[in-house]
Amino acid sequence: FGKGIVQSIYPLSNGGTARLTVSQWLTPELYAIHKQGLIPDVIVEDAEDAPADAPCVANRRPVEGQALCRDPQLMRALELLP
């Protein structure tokens, strides 16, 4: 999404808040990704007809009657791991 900073929020006595940027993500070449994002090395399209063959992670739940989820990006990532 291009979000590349970390902010801490401090309440003020007048009811407002102060946001202080405390960290930012950089590439190994020191390129700031904030509001820019990254170009992925591997692009995996999200095909509607992809098989439900991935473990369900985060808040995903399988389709009724199945034990696995449809997640072609996760499956490709797992294939690329050593």
PDB file of N, CA and C in Angstrom:
ATOM      1  N   PHE A   1       0.812  -1.198   0.000  1.00  0.00           N
ATOM      2  CA  PHE A   1       0.000   0.000   0.000  1.00  0.00           C
ATOM      3  C   PHE A   1       0.855   1.262   0.000  1.00  0.00           C
ATOM      4  N   GLY A   2       2.151   1.130   0.098  1.00  0.00           N
ATOM      5  CA  GLY A   2       3.015   2.296   0.115  1.00  0.00           C
ATOM      6  C   GLY A   2       3.217   2.889   1.489  1.00  0.00           C
ATOM      7  N   LYS A   3       2.717   2.228   2.524  1.00  0.00           N
ATOM      8  CA  LYS A   3       2.894   2.731   3.884  1.00  0.00           C
ATOM      9  C   LYS A   3       4.266   2.312   4.366  1.00  0.00           C
ATOM     10  N   GLY A   4       5.141   3.275   4.601  1.00  0.00           N
ATOM     11  CA  GLY A   4       6.511   2.936   4.955  1.00  0.00           C
ATOM     12  C   GLY A   4       7.038   3.684   6.142  1.00  0.00           C
ATOM     13  N   ILE A   5       6.144   4.164   7.011  1.00  0.00           N
ATOM     14  CA  ILE A   5       6.599   4.847   8.220  1.00  0.00           C
ATOM     15  C   ILE A   5       5.853   4.299   9.428  1.00  0.00           C
ATOM     16  N   VAL A   6       6.430   4.524  10.583  1.00  0.00           N
ATOM     17  CA  VAL A   6       5.807   4.159  11.857  1.00  0.00           C
ATOM     18  C   VAL A   6       5.644   5.442  12.645  1.00  0.00           C
ATOM     19  N   GLN A   7       4.446   5.663  13.156  1.00  0.00           N
ATOM     20  CA  GLN A   7       4.191   6.869  13.933  1.00  0.00           C
ATOM     21  C   GLN A   7       3.723   6.499  15.333  1.00  0.00           C
ATOM     22  N   SER A   8       4.140   7.291  16.296  1.00  0.00           N
ATOM     23  CA  SER A   8       3.619   7.202  17.658  1.00  0.00           C
ATOM     24  C   SER A   8       2.671   8.376  17.845  1.00  0.00           C
ATOM     25  N   ILE A   9       1.556   8.108  18.521  1.00  0.00           N
ATOM     26  CA  ILE A   9       0.552   9.135  18.739  1.00  0.00           C
ATOM     27  C   ILE A   9       0.536   9.492  20.218  1.00  0.00           C
ATOM     28  N   TYR A  10       0.657  10.783  20.481  1.00  0.00           N
ATOM     29  CA  TYR A  10       0.704  11.269  21.857  1.00  0.00           C
ATOM     30  C   TYR A  10      -0.485  12.183  22.111  1.00  0.00           C
ATOM     31  N   PRO A  11      -1.280  11.901  23.166  1.00  0.00           N
ATOM     32  CA  PRO A  11      -2.400  12.778  23.493  1.00  0.00           C
ATOM     33  C   PRO A  11      -1.901  14.103  24.080  1.00  0.00           C
ATOM     34  N   LEU A  12      -2.582  15.176  23.740  1.00  0.00           N
ATOM     35  CA  LEU A  12      -2.240  16.500  24.257  1.00  0.00           C
ATOM     36  C   LEU A  12      -3.264  16.927  25.304  1.00  0.00           C
ATOM     37  N   SER A  13      -2.873  17.827  26.175  1.00  0.00           N
ATOM     38  CA  SER A  13      -3.754  18.261  27.265  1.00  0.00           C
ATOM     39  C   SER A  13      -5.006  18.977  26.755  1.00  0.00           C
ATOM     40  N   ASN A  14      -4.971  19.520  25.530  1.00  0.00           N
ATOM     41  CA  ASN A  14      -6.147  20.217  25.001  1.00  0.00           C
ATOM     42  C   ASN A  14      -7.102  19.284  24.269  1.00  0.00           C
ATOM     43  N   GLY A  15      -6.856  17.960  24.322  1.00  0.00           N
ATOM     44  CA  GLY A  15      -7.725  16.988  23.673  1.00  0.00           C
ATOM     45  C   GLY A  15      -7.252  16.584  22.285  1.00  0.00           C
ATOM     46  N   GLY A  16      -6.275  17.265  21.746  1.00  0.00           N
ATOM     47  CA  GLY A  16      -5.724  16.920  20.440  1.00  0.00           C
ATOM     48  C   GLY A  16      -4.669  15.832  20.566  1.00  0.00           C
ATOM     49  N   THR A  17      -4.026  15.553  19.474  1.00  0.00           N
ATOM     50  CA  THR A  17      -2.954  14.572  19.480  1.00  0.00           C
ATOM     51  C   THR A  17      -1.777  15.084  18.656  1.00  0.00           C
ATOM     52  N   ALA A  18      -0.608  14.583  18.985  1.00  0.00           N
ATOM     53  CA  ALA A  18       0.598  14.855  18.206  1.00  0.00           C
ATOM     54  C   ALA A  18       1.074  13.525  17.644  1.00  0.00           C
ATOM     55  N   ARG A  19       1.369  13.502  16.363  1.00  0.00           N
ATOM     56  CA  ARG A  19       1.883  12.294  15.717  1.00  0.00           C
ATOM     57  C   ARG A  19       3.350  12.523  15.393  1.00  0.00           C
ATOM     58  N   LEU A  20       4.169  11.626  15.894  1.00  0.00           N
ATOM     59  CA  LEU A  20       5.604  11.745  15.702  1.00  0.00           C
ATOM     60  C   LEU A  20       6.095  10.532  14.908  1.00  0.00           C
ATOM     61  N   THR A  21       6.701  10.772  13.753  1.00  0.00           N
ATOM     62  CA  THR A  21       7.261   9.679  12.965  1.00  0.00           C
ATOM     63  C   THR A  21       8.523   9.201  13.662  1.00  0.00           C
ATOM     64  N   VAL A  22       8.530   7.905  14.019  1.00  0.00           N
ATOM     65  CA  VAL A  22       9.630   7.360  14.800  1.00  0.00           C
ATOM     66  C   VAL A  22      10.485   6.366  14.017  1.00  0.00           C
ATOM     67  N   SER A  23      10.005   5.931  12.856  1.00  0.00           N
ATOM     68  CA  SER A  23      10.754   4.957  12.085  1.00  0.00           C
ATOM     69  C   SER A  23      10.258   4.960  10.650  1.00  0.00           C
ATOM     70  N   GLN A  24      11.108   4.491   9.732  1.00  0.00           N
ATOM     71  CA  GLN A  24      10.674   4.331   8.351  1.00  0.00           C
ATOM     72  C   GLN A  24      11.348   3.094   7.759  1.00  0.00           C
ATOM     73  N   TRP A  25      10.665   2.474   6.770  1.00  0.00           N
ATOM     74  CA  TRP A  25      11.219   1.320   6.102  1.00  0.00           C
ATOM     75  C   TRP A  25      12.001   1.777   4.884  1.00  0.00           C
ATOM     76  N   LEU A  26      13.199   1.211   4.746  1.00  0.00           N
ATOM     77  CA  LEU A  26      14.067   1.509   3.612  1.00  0.00           C
ATOM     78  C   LEU A  26      14.481   0.192   2.952  1.00  0.00           C
ATOM     79  N   THR A  27      14.756   0.261   1.654  1.00  0.00           N
ATOM     80  CA  THR A  27      15.302  -0.902   0.962  1.00  0.00           C
ATOM     81  C   THR A  27      16.783  -1.012   1.311  1.00  0.00           C
ATOM     82  N   PRO A  28      17.431  -2.115   0.935  1.00  0.00           N
ATOM     83  CA  PRO A  28      18.879  -2.217   1.195  1.00  0.00           C
ATOM     84  C   PRO A  28      19.686  -1.085   0.552  1.00  0.00           C
ATOM     85  N   GLU A  29      19.129  -0.491  -0.513  1.00  0.00           N
ATOM     86  CA  GLU A  29      19.807   0.635  -1.175  1.00  0.00           C
ATOM     87  C   GLU A  29      19.404   1.980  -0.558  1.00  0.00           C
ATOM     88  N   LEU A  30      18.714   1.937   0.591  1.00  0.00           N
ATOM     89  CA  LEU A  30      18.271   3.114   1.343  1.00  0.00           C
ATOM     90  C   LEU A  30      17.193   3.918   0.621  1.00  0.00           C
ATOM     91  N   TYR A  31      16.376   3.247  -0.208  1.00  0.00           N
ATOM     92  CA  TYR A  31      15.259   3.873  -0.886  1.00  0.00           C
ATOM     93  C   TYR A  31      14.044   3.838   0.047  1.00  0.00           C
ATOM     94  N   ALA A  32      13.468   4.988   0.340  1.00  0.00           N
ATOM     95  CA  ALA A  32      12.280   5.055   1.201  1.00  0.00           C
ATOM     96  C   ALA A  32      11.056   4.619   0.411  1.00  0.00           C
ATOM     97  N   ILE A  33      10.259   3.706   0.967  1.00  0.00           N
ATOM     98  CA  ILE A  33       9.103   3.186   0.246  1.00  0.00           C
ATOM     99  C   ILE A  33       7.815   3.929   0.561  1.00  0.00           C
ATOM    100  N   HIS A  34       7.824   4.856   1.510  1.00  0.00           N
ATOM    101  CA  HIS A  34       6.598   5.540   1.919  1.00  0.00           C
ATOM    102  C   HIS A  34       5.941   6.253   0.737  1.00  0.00           C
ATOM    103  N   LYS A  35       4.681   5.975   0.526  1.00  0.00           N
ATOM    104  CA  LYS A  35       3.849   6.523  -0.560  1.00  0.00           C
ATOM    105  C   LYS A  35       4.352   6.131  -1.941  1.00  0.00           C
ATOM    106  N   GLN A  36       5.318   5.204  -2.016  1.00  0.00           N
ATOM    107  CA  GLN A  36       5.850   4.738  -3.291  1.00  0.00           C
ATOM    108  C   GLN A  36       5.546   3.258  -3.509  1.00  0.00           C
ATOM    109  N   GLY A  37       5.715   2.473  -2.444  1.00  0.00           N
ATOM    110  CA  GLY A  37       5.554   1.033  -2.569  1.00  0.00           C
ATOM    111  C   GLY A  37       6.774   0.391  -3.194  1.00  0.00           C
ATOM    112  N   LEU A  38       6.638  -0.867  -3.529  1.00  0.00           N
ATOM    113  CA  LEU A  38       7.729  -1.640  -4.119  1.00  0.00           C
ATOM    114  C   LEU A  38       7.214  -2.381  -5.345  1.00  0.00           C
ATOM    115  N   ILE A  39       8.083  -2.661  -6.275  1.00  0.00           N
ATOM    116  CA  ILE A  39       7.746  -3.514  -7.406  1.00  0.00           C
ATOM    117  C   ILE A  39       8.162  -4.928  -7.015  1.00  0.00           C
ATOM    118  N   PRO A  40       7.234  -5.871  -7.004  1.00  0.00           N
ATOM    119  CA  PRO A  40       7.579  -7.226  -6.566  1.00  0.00           C
ATOM    120  C   PRO A  40       8.505  -7.920  -7.550  1.00  0.00           C
ATOM    121  N   ASP A  41       9.342  -8.816  -7.032  1.00  0.00           N
ATOM    122  CA  ASP A  41      10.211  -9.632  -7.878  1.00  0.00           C
ATOM    123  C   ASP A  41       9.398 -10.698  -8.610  1.00  0.00           C
ATOM    124  N   VAL A  42       8.356 -11.199  -7.953  1.00  0.00           N
ATOM    125  CA  VAL A  42       7.504 -12.238  -8.526  1.00  0.00           C
ATOM    126  C   VAL A  42       6.065 -11.753  -8.450  1.00  0.00           C
ATOM    127  N   ILE A  43       5.385 -11.758  -9.583  1.00  0.00           N
ATOM    128  CA  ILE A  43       3.980 -11.342  -9.621  1.00  0.00           C
ATOM    129  C   ILE A  43       3.122 -12.581  -9.815  1.00  0.00           C
ATOM    130  N   VAL A  44       2.141 -12.765  -8.934  1.00  0.00           N
ATOM    131  CA  VAL A  44       1.228 -13.897  -9.020  1.00  0.00           C
ATOM    132  C   VAL A  44      -0.184 -13.326  -9.092  1.00  0.00           C
ATOM    133  N   GLU A  45      -0.845 -13.587 -10.200  1.00  0.00           N
ATOM    134  CA  GLU A  45      -2.210 -13.103 -10.369  1.00  0.00           C
ATOM    135  C   GLU A  45      -3.153 -13.873  -9.451  1.00  0.00           C
ATOM    136  N   ASP A  46      -4.225 -13.230  -9.048  1.00  0.00           N
ATOM    137  CA  ASP A  46      -5.229 -13.858  -8.186  1.00  0.00           C
ATOM    138  C   ASP A  46      -6.333 -14.429  -9.069  1.00  0.00           C
ATOM    139  N   ALA A  47      -6.155 -15.661  -9.497  1.00  0.00           N
ATOM    140  CA  ALA A  47      -7.116 -16.308 -10.385  1.00  0.00           C
ATOM    141  C   ALA A  47      -8.318 -16.809  -9.586  1.00  0.00           C
ATOM    142  N   GLU A  48      -9.514 -16.467 -10.054  1.00  0.00           N
ATOM    143  CA  GLU A  48     -10.740 -16.897  -9.366  1.00  0.00           C
ATOM    144  C   GLU A  48     -10.904 -18.419  -9.369  1.00  0.00           C
ATOM    145  N   ASP A  49     -10.309 -19.084 -10.358  1.00  0.00           N
ATOM    146  CA  ASP A  49     -10.446 -20.534 -10.450  1.00  0.00           C
ATOM    147  C   ASP A  49      -9.263 -21.288  -9.840  1.00  0.00           C
ATOM    148  N   ALA A  50      -8.434 -20.586  -9.075  1.00  0.00           N
ATOM    149  CA  ALA A  50      -7.300 -21.246  -8.419  1.00  0.00           C
ATOM    150  C   ALA A  50      -7.822 -22.275  -7.425  1.00  0.00           C
ATOM    151  N   PRO A  51      -7.115 -23.398  -7.289  1.00  0.00           N
ATOM    152  CA  PRO A  51      -7.583 -24.428  -6.358  1.00  0.00           C
ATOM    153  C   PRO A  51      -7.443 -23.984  -4.904  1.00  0.00           C
ATOM    154  N   ALA A  52      -8.290 -24.529  -4.062  1.00  0.00           N
ATOM    155  CA  ALA A  52      -8.201 -24.279  -2.623  1.00  0.00           C
ATOM    156  C   ALA A  52      -7.198 -25.283  -2.057  1.00  0.00           C
ATOM    157  N   ASP A  53      -5.909 -24.934  -2.153  1.00  0.00           N
ATOM    158  CA  ASP A  53      -4.861 -25.866  -1.742  1.00  0.00           C
ATOM    159  C   ASP A  53      -3.858 -25.240  -0.775  1.00  0.00           C
ATOM    160  N   ALA A  54      -4.239 -24.106  -0.187  1.00  0.00           N
ATOM    161  CA  ALA A  54      -3.324 -23.392   0.709  1.00  0.00           C
ATOM    162  C   ALA A  54      -3.829 -23.462   2.147  1.00  0.00           C
ATOM    163  N   PRO A  55      -2.901 -23.446   3.101  1.00  0.00           N
ATOM    164  CA  PRO A  55      -3.344 -23.358   4.492  1.00  0.00           C
ATOM    165  C   PRO A  55      -4.073 -22.033   4.720  1.00  0.00           C
ATOM    166  N   CYS A  56      -5.076 -22.050   5.550  1.00  0.00           N
ATOM    167  CA  CYS A  56      -5.820 -20.831   5.871  1.00  0.00           C
ATOM    168  C   CYS A  56      -5.034 -20.062   6.927  1.00  0.00           C
ATOM    169  N   VAL A  57      -4.641 -18.845   6.616  1.00  0.00           N
ATOM    170  CA  VAL A  57      -3.862 -18.033   7.545  1.00  0.00           C
ATOM    171  C   VAL A  57      -4.634 -16.778   7.908  1.00  0.00           C
ATOM    172  N   ALA A  58      -4.193 -16.113   8.963  1.00  0.00           N
ATOM    173  CA  ALA A  58      -4.814 -14.877   9.461  1.00  0.00           C
ATOM    174  C   ALA A  58      -6.282 -15.155   9.750  1.00  0.00           C
ATOM    175  N   ASN A  59      -7.169 -14.327   9.206  1.00  0.00           N
ATOM    176  CA  ASN A  59      -8.601 -14.479   9.509  1.00  0.00           C
ATOM    177  C   ASN A  59      -9.340 -15.210   8.391  1.00  0.00           C
ATOM    178  N   ARG A  60      -8.639 -15.853   7.491  1.00  0.00           N
ATOM    179  CA  ARG A  60      -9.287 -16.559   6.377  1.00  0.00           C
ATOM    180  C   ARG A  60      -9.900 -17.861   6.858  1.00  0.00           C
ATOM    181  N   ARG A  61     -11.017 -18.196   6.279  1.00  0.00           N
ATOM    182  CA  ARG A  61     -11.712 -19.441   6.592  1.00  0.00           C
ATOM    183  C   ARG A  61     -11.970 -20.177   5.288  1.00  0.00           C
ATOM    184  N   PRO A  62     -11.896 -21.517   5.319  1.00  0.00           N
ATOM    185  CA  PRO A  62     -12.145 -22.272   4.087  1.00  0.00           C
ATOM    186  C   PRO A  62     -13.609 -22.190   3.668  1.00  0.00           C
ATOM    187  N   VAL A  63     -13.816 -22.432   2.390  1.00  0.00           N
ATOM    188  CA  VAL A  63     -15.178 -22.529   1.871  1.00  0.00           C
ATOM    189  C   VAL A  63     -15.825 -23.741   2.526  1.00  0.00           C
ATOM    190  N   GLU A  64     -17.119 -23.662   2.765  1.00  0.00           N
ATOM    191  CA  GLU A  64     -17.817 -24.763   3.433  1.00  0.00           C
ATOM    192  C   GLU A  64     -17.553 -26.082   2.706  1.00  0.00           C
ATOM    193  N   GLY A  65     -17.209 -27.098   3.480  1.00  0.00           N
ATOM    194  CA  GLY A  65     -16.932 -28.415   2.929  1.00  0.00           C
ATOM    195  C   GLY A  65     -15.476 -28.629   2.540  1.00  0.00           C
ATOM    196  N   GLN A  66     -14.628 -27.608   2.701  1.00  0.00           N
ATOM    197  CA  GLN A  66     -13.214 -27.747   2.367  1.00  0.00           C
ATOM    198  C   GLN A  66     -12.372 -27.456   3.598  1.00  0.00           C
ATOM    199  N   ALA A  67     -11.151 -27.994   3.613  1.00  0.00           N
ATOM    200  CA  ALA A  67     -10.258 -27.778   4.748  1.00  0.00           C
ATOM    201  C   ALA A  67      -9.197 -26.725   4.451  1.00  0.00           C
ATOM    202  N   LEU A  68      -9.014 -26.378   3.160  1.00  0.00           N
ATOM    203  CA  LEU A  68      -7.978 -25.437   2.766  1.00  0.00           C
ATOM    204  C   LEU A  68      -8.587 -24.203   2.113  1.00  0.00           C
ATOM    205  N   CYS A  69      -7.754 -23.181   1.934  1.00  0.00           N
ATOM    206  CA  CYS A  69      -8.201 -21.916   1.342  1.00  0.00           C
ATOM    207  C   CYS A  69      -7.581 -21.717  -0.036  1.00  0.00           C
ATOM    208  N   ARG A  70      -8.184 -20.840  -0.825  1.00  0.00           N
ATOM    209  CA  ARG A  70      -7.640 -20.457  -2.128  1.00  0.00           C
ATOM    210  C   ARG A  70      -6.720 -19.268  -1.919  1.00  0.00           C
ATOM    211  N   ASP A  71      -5.443 -19.472  -2.146  1.00  0.00           N
ATOM    212  CA  ASP A  71      -4.465 -18.395  -1.942  1.00  0.00           C
ATOM    213  C   ASP A  71      -3.251 -18.650  -2.837  1.00  0.00           C
ATOM    214  N   PRO A  72      -3.376 -18.348  -4.152  1.00  0.00           N
ATOM    215  CA  PRO A  72      -2.269 -18.642  -5.062  1.00  0.00           C
ATOM    216  C   PRO A  72      -0.983 -17.884  -4.727  1.00  0.00           C
ATOM    217  N   GLN A  73      -1.091 -16.690  -4.146  1.00  0.00           N
ATOM    218  CA  GLN A  73       0.116 -15.937  -3.784  1.00  0.00           C
ATOM    219  C   GLN A  73       0.876 -16.647  -2.669  1.00  0.00           C
ATOM    220  N   LEU A  74       0.163 -17.126  -1.654  1.00  0.00           N
ATOM    221  CA  LEU A  74       0.822 -17.855  -0.570  1.00  0.00           C
ATOM    222  C   LEU A  74       1.467 -19.131  -1.092  1.00  0.00           C
ATOM    223  N   MET A  75       0.774 -19.860  -1.953  1.00  0.00           N
ATOM    224  CA  MET A  75       1.332 -21.103  -2.469  1.00  0.00           C
ATOM    225  C   MET A  75       2.602 -20.841  -3.289  1.00  0.00           C
ATOM    226  N   ARG A  76       2.616 -19.773  -4.074  1.00  0.00           N
ATOM    227  CA  ARG A  76       3.817 -19.439  -4.851  1.00  0.00           C
ATOM    228  C   ARG A  76       4.961 -19.046  -3.914  1.00  0.00           C
ATOM    229  N   ALA A  77       4.660 -18.291  -2.868  1.00  0.00           N
ATOM    230  CA  ALA A  77       5.685 -17.908  -1.890  1.00  0.00           C
ATOM    231  C   ALA A  77       6.280 -19.154  -1.226  1.00  0.00           C
ATOM    232  N   LEU A  78       5.434 -20.119  -0.876  1.00  0.00           N
ATOM    233  CA  LEU A  78       5.931 -21.341  -0.246  1.00  0.00           C
ATOM    234  C   LEU A  78       6.803 -22.141  -1.207  1.00  0.00           C
ATOM    235  N   GLU A  79       6.462 -22.108  -2.504  1.00  0.00           N
ATOM    236  CA  GLU A  79       7.279 -22.805  -3.512  1.00  0.00           C
ATOM    237  C   GLU A  79       8.679 -22.170  -3.607  1.00  0.00           C
ATOM    238  N   LEU A  80       8.763 -20.871  -3.403  1.00  0.00           N
ATOM    239  CA  LEU A  80      10.036 -20.155  -3.568  1.00  0.00           C
ATOM    240  C   LEU A  80      10.963 -20.278  -2.354  1.00  0.00           C
ATOM    241  N   LEU A  81      10.412 -20.705  -1.210  1.00  0.00           N
ATOM    242  CA  LEU A  81      11.250 -20.842  -0.014  1.00  0.00           C
ATOM    243  C   LEU A  81      12.196 -22.026  -0.175  1.00  0.00           C
ATOM    244  N   PRO A  82      13.419 -21.890   0.335  1.00  0.00           N
ATOM    245  CA  PRO A  82      14.384 -23.000   0.211  1.00  0.00           C
ATOM    246  C   PRO A  82      14.001 -24.189   1.076  1.00  0.00           C
TER     247      PRO A  82
END
